[in-house]
Protein backbone atom coordinates (compact mmCIF):
# COMPACT_ATOMS: atom_id res chain seq x y z
CA LYS A 1 44.27 12.16 7.33
CA LYS A 2 47.92 11.11 6.83
CA SER A 3 47.83 9.81 10.38
CA GLY A 4 45.21 7.26 9.30
CA ARG A 5 42.38 8.81 11.29
CA GLN A 6 39.08 9.35 9.51
CA TYR A 7 36.65 12.23 9.92
CA ILE A 8 33.35 11.66 8.16
CA TYR A 9 31.12 14.56 7.15
CA TYR A 10 27.78 14.66 5.33
CA HIS A 11 26.60 17.28 2.90
CA CYS A 12 23.67 17.97 0.60
CA THR A 13 24.10 16.39 -2.84
CA GLN A 14 23.05 19.75 -4.33
CA PHE A 15 21.06 17.77 -6.91
CA LYS A 16 18.67 20.72 -7.30
CA GLY A 17 21.42 23.34 -7.21
CA LYS A 18 23.52 24.99 -4.55
CA CYS A 19 21.60 25.52 -1.34
CA GLY A 20 24.26 26.87 0.99
CA SER A 21 24.00 23.86 3.30
CA LYS A 22 26.80 23.15 5.72
CA TRP A 23 28.95 20.09 6.16
CA VAL A 24 27.86 18.10 9.21
CA LYS A 25 30.04 15.66 11.15
CA GLU A 26 28.77 12.11 11.29
CA GLU A 27 29.05 12.13 15.09
CA ALA A 28 26.77 15.17 15.26
CA LEU A 29 24.14 13.57 13.03
CA THR A 30 24.33 10.31 14.96
CA ALA A 31 23.89 12.13 18.27
CA GLN A 32 20.83 13.99 16.96
CA PHE A 33 19.24 10.84 15.62
CA GLN A 34 19.98 9.08 18.90
CA ALA A 35 18.20 11.82 20.84
CA ILE A 36 15.15 11.64 18.56
CA ILE A 37 15.03 7.84 18.81
CA ASP A 38 15.32 8.08 22.59
CA ASP A 39 12.19 10.25 22.46
CA ILE A 40 10.34 7.63 20.41
CA ALA A 41 11.24 4.76 22.72
CA VAL A 42 8.43 3.31 24.81
CA PRO A 43 9.54 2.82 28.42
CA ASP A 44 9.09 -0.62 29.94
CA GLU A 45 6.23 0.46 32.20
CA ILE A 46 4.34 2.02 29.28
CA LEU A 47 5.05 -1.06 27.16
CA ARG A 48 3.44 -3.24 29.83
CA GLU A 49 0.32 -1.03 29.76
CA ILE A 50 0.13 -1.28 25.97
CA ILE A 51 0.48 -5.07 26.10
CA LYS A 52 -2.23 -5.24 28.77
CA THR A 53 -4.57 -3.22 26.54
CA LEU A 54 -3.77 -5.43 23.53
CA LYS A 55 -4.58 -8.53 25.56
CA GLU A 56 -7.94 -7.07 26.61
CA THR A 57 -8.91 -6.17 23.04
CA HIS A 58 -7.61 -9.53 21.86
CA GLN A 59 -10.49 -11.33 23.59
CA GLY A 60 -13.09 -9.58 21.45
CA LYS A 61 -10.99 -10.13 18.34
CA VAL A 62 -10.73 -13.88 19.02
CA LYS A 63 -14.51 -14.15 19.44
CA TYR A 64 -15.16 -12.33 16.15
CA HIS A 65 -12.50 -14.36 14.35
CA ASN A 66 -13.94 -17.67 15.57
CA GLU A 67 -17.52 -16.69 14.68
CA LEU A 68 -16.52 -15.64 11.17
CA GLN A 69 -14.46 -18.78 10.68
CA SER A 70 -17.40 -20.94 11.83
CA GLU A 71 -19.74 -19.16 9.42
CA LEU A 72 -17.37 -19.70 6.50
CA GLN A 73 -16.83 -23.36 7.40
CA ALA A 74 -20.60 -23.92 7.68
CA GLU A 75 -21.07 -22.38 4.24
CA TYR A 76 -18.33 -24.62 2.83
CA ASP A 77 -19.96 -27.71 4.37
CA LYS A 78 -23.33 -26.68 2.91
CA TYR A 79 -21.95 -26.87 -0.62
CA GLN A 80 -20.17 -30.14 0.17
CA ASN A 81 -23.47 -31.66 1.30
CA ARG A 82 -25.12 -30.46 -1.91
CA ILE A 83 -22.39 -32.11 -3.97
CA THR A 84 -22.78 -35.39 -2.05
CA LYS A 85 -26.57 -35.43 -2.44
CA MET A 86 -26.33 -34.42 -6.06
CA TYR A 87 -23.91 -37.30 -6.73
CA GLU A 88 -26.42 -39.74 -5.27
CA ASP A 89 -29.17 -38.24 -7.46
CA ARG A 90 -26.95 -38.74 -10.46
CA LEU A 91 -26.38 -42.40 -9.61
CA ASP A 92 -30.13 -42.86 -9.19
CA LYS A 93 -30.69 -41.12 -12.55
CA ARG A 94 -32.77 -38.38 -10.93
CA ILE A 95 -30.58 -35.73 -12.63
CA THR A 96 -28.71 -35.72 -15.92
CA ASP A 97 -24.94 -35.83 -16.28
CA ASP A 98 -24.93 -32.36 -17.83
CA PHE A 99 -26.88 -30.90 -14.90
CA TYR A 100 -24.53 -32.63 -12.47
CA ASP A 101 -21.39 -31.32 -14.21
CA LYS A 102 -22.76 -27.78 -14.33
CA LYS A 103 -23.78 -27.65 -10.65
CA TYR A 104 -20.63 -29.48 -9.52
CA GLU A 105 -18.47 -26.81 -11.17
CA GLU A 106 -20.60 -24.07 -9.63
CA TYR A 107 -20.36 -25.51 -6.10
CA ARG A 108 -16.64 -26.18 -6.37
CA LEU A 109 -16.00 -22.57 -7.36
CA LYS A 110 -18.00 -21.47 -4.33
CA GLN A 111 -15.90 -23.72 -2.10
CA GLU A 112 -12.65 -22.41 -3.57
CA GLU A 113 -13.80 -18.85 -2.85
CA ILE A 114 -14.61 -19.80 0.75
CA GLN A 115 -11.24 -21.54 1.17
CA SER A 116 -9.53 -18.40 -0.10
CA ARG A 117 -11.41 -16.27 2.44
CA LEU A 118 -10.50 -18.70 5.22
CA GLY A 119 -6.86 -18.54 4.18
CA ASN A 120 -6.88 -14.75 4.08
CA LEU A 121 -8.52 -14.68 7.50
CA GLN A 122 -5.79 -16.86 8.97
CA LYS A 123 -3.00 -14.87 7.28
CA ALA A 124 -4.45 -11.56 8.47
CA ASP A 125 -4.55 -12.94 12.01
CA GLU A 126 -0.91 -14.10 11.83
CA ASP A 127 0.27 -10.84 10.22
CA TYR A 128 -1.49 -8.78 12.89
CA TYR A 129 0.41 -10.40 15.74
CA ALA A 130 3.74 -10.52 13.90
CA THR A 131 3.47 -6.82 13.00
CA ALA A 132 2.32 -5.76 16.48
CA LYS A 133 5.17 -7.70 18.10
CA GLN A 134 7.76 -6.20 15.73
CA ILE A 135 6.48 -2.63 16.19
CA LEU A 136 6.51 -2.91 19.98
CA ARG A 137 9.98 -4.44 19.96
CA ILE A 138 11.39 -1.68 17.76
CA SER A 139 9.66 1.03 19.77
CA ASN A 140 11.05 -0.35 23.02
CA GLN A 141 14.53 -1.36 21.85
CA ALA A 142 15.26 1.23 19.14
CA PRO A 143 17.70 3.35 21.25
CA LYS A 144 19.79 0.29 22.18
CA ILE A 145 19.67 -1.09 18.63
CA PHE A 146 20.76 2.22 17.10
CA LYS A 147 23.51 2.83 19.65
CA SER A 148 25.11 -0.61 19.30
CA SER A 149 24.70 -1.17 15.55
CA GLU A 150 27.08 -0.74 12.65
CA PRO A 151 26.43 2.15 10.19
CA GLU A 152 24.48 0.01 7.69
CA ALA A 153 22.16 -1.33 10.43
CA LYS A 154 21.72 2.25 11.70
CA ARG A 155 20.71 3.34 8.19
CA GLN A 156 18.14 0.54 7.92
CA LEU A 157 16.62 1.45 11.28
CA LEU A 158 16.39 5.11 10.27
CA LYS A 159 14.54 4.09 7.09
CA VAL A 160 12.02 2.20 9.22
CA LEU A 161 11.48 5.04 11.71
CA PHE A 162 11.67 8.19 9.57
CA GLN A 163 10.29 9.48 6.30
CA ASN A 164 12.58 11.77 4.31
CA PRO A 165 14.34 13.45 7.26
CA GLN A 166 15.72 16.88 6.36
CA ILE A 167 18.53 19.01 7.75
CA LYS A 168 17.97 22.68 8.39
CA GLY A 169 21.37 24.21 8.86
CA VAL A 170 22.99 21.54 11.00
CA THR A 171 19.79 20.40 12.75
CA ILE A 172 17.77 17.35 11.75
CA ASP A 173 14.09 17.96 11.06
CA PRO A 174 12.58 14.45 11.03
CA THR A 175 9.17 13.16 10.04
CA ILE A 176 8.50 10.10 12.18
CA ARG A 177 6.62 7.35 10.39
CA LYS A 178 3.37 5.98 11.73
CA PRO A 179 2.78 4.13 13.99
CA PHE A 180 6.06 5.11 15.67
CA SER A 181 4.98 8.75 15.73
CA ILE A 182 2.28 7.95 18.28
CA PHE A 183 4.96 6.53 20.61
CA SER A 184 6.78 9.83 20.75
CA LYS A 185 6.93 11.05 24.34
CA ARG A 186 5.18 14.23 23.26
CA ALA A 187 2.32 12.16 21.79
CA TYR A 188 1.74 9.49 24.38
CA ARG A 189 2.76 11.23 27.61
CA HIS A 190 -0.78 12.37 28.37
CA THR A 191 -2.43 9.30 26.89
CA TRP A 192 -0.63 6.55 28.74
CA ARG A 193 0.67 8.08 31.95
CA PRO A 194 -1.68 8.31 34.95
CA GLN A 195 -3.19 11.76 35.30
CA ARG A 196 -3.26 13.54 38.64
CA ASP A 197 -6.32 15.50 39.66
CA SER A 198 -5.28 19.12 40.11
CA ASN A 199 -8.37 19.72 42.27
CA PRO A 200 -8.70 16.63 44.46
CA ARG A 201 -11.91 16.21 46.39
CA HIS A 202 -11.82 15.59 50.13
């Protein structure tokens, strides 16, 4: 406006032709997204229950991880012992140089494969906790983040939370991405909140 005030509206690009969609004020879209994000947010008490469950399942995961790591390390050491013994046999002329070179290459390839599996195991473990921590943080803090952020940060958060949200008339019809969809109040209300017995026994 000539006064310097700005009024921002959004509208369909009409890339596929005119669709009769309406112009929607930015404030109206923001308010709708805020309400949907509020619905996704995991309350603090529910978050504590989720963390408690993750800690309980973590114990079994640690045991499996350590057992698998020990098995891989034992296999690696087995080939290292073979290489050491084979080197001694070579010095004592019990095996030929050609045989030594062939088996050495074979055992080293086996060890490289094991090292790769050990590396992937460690990375998967680190990625699991980093991803879980990030998901829980977003699910718990999303309303505050969205409300206090600049437009570009809002847009990035919406890309993380939603998949191709559509507008029907002037109403947003969102598809919440997994795993955030399971944190929707409609989804987890009956799963995480304590249930009361409608027919208590005396």
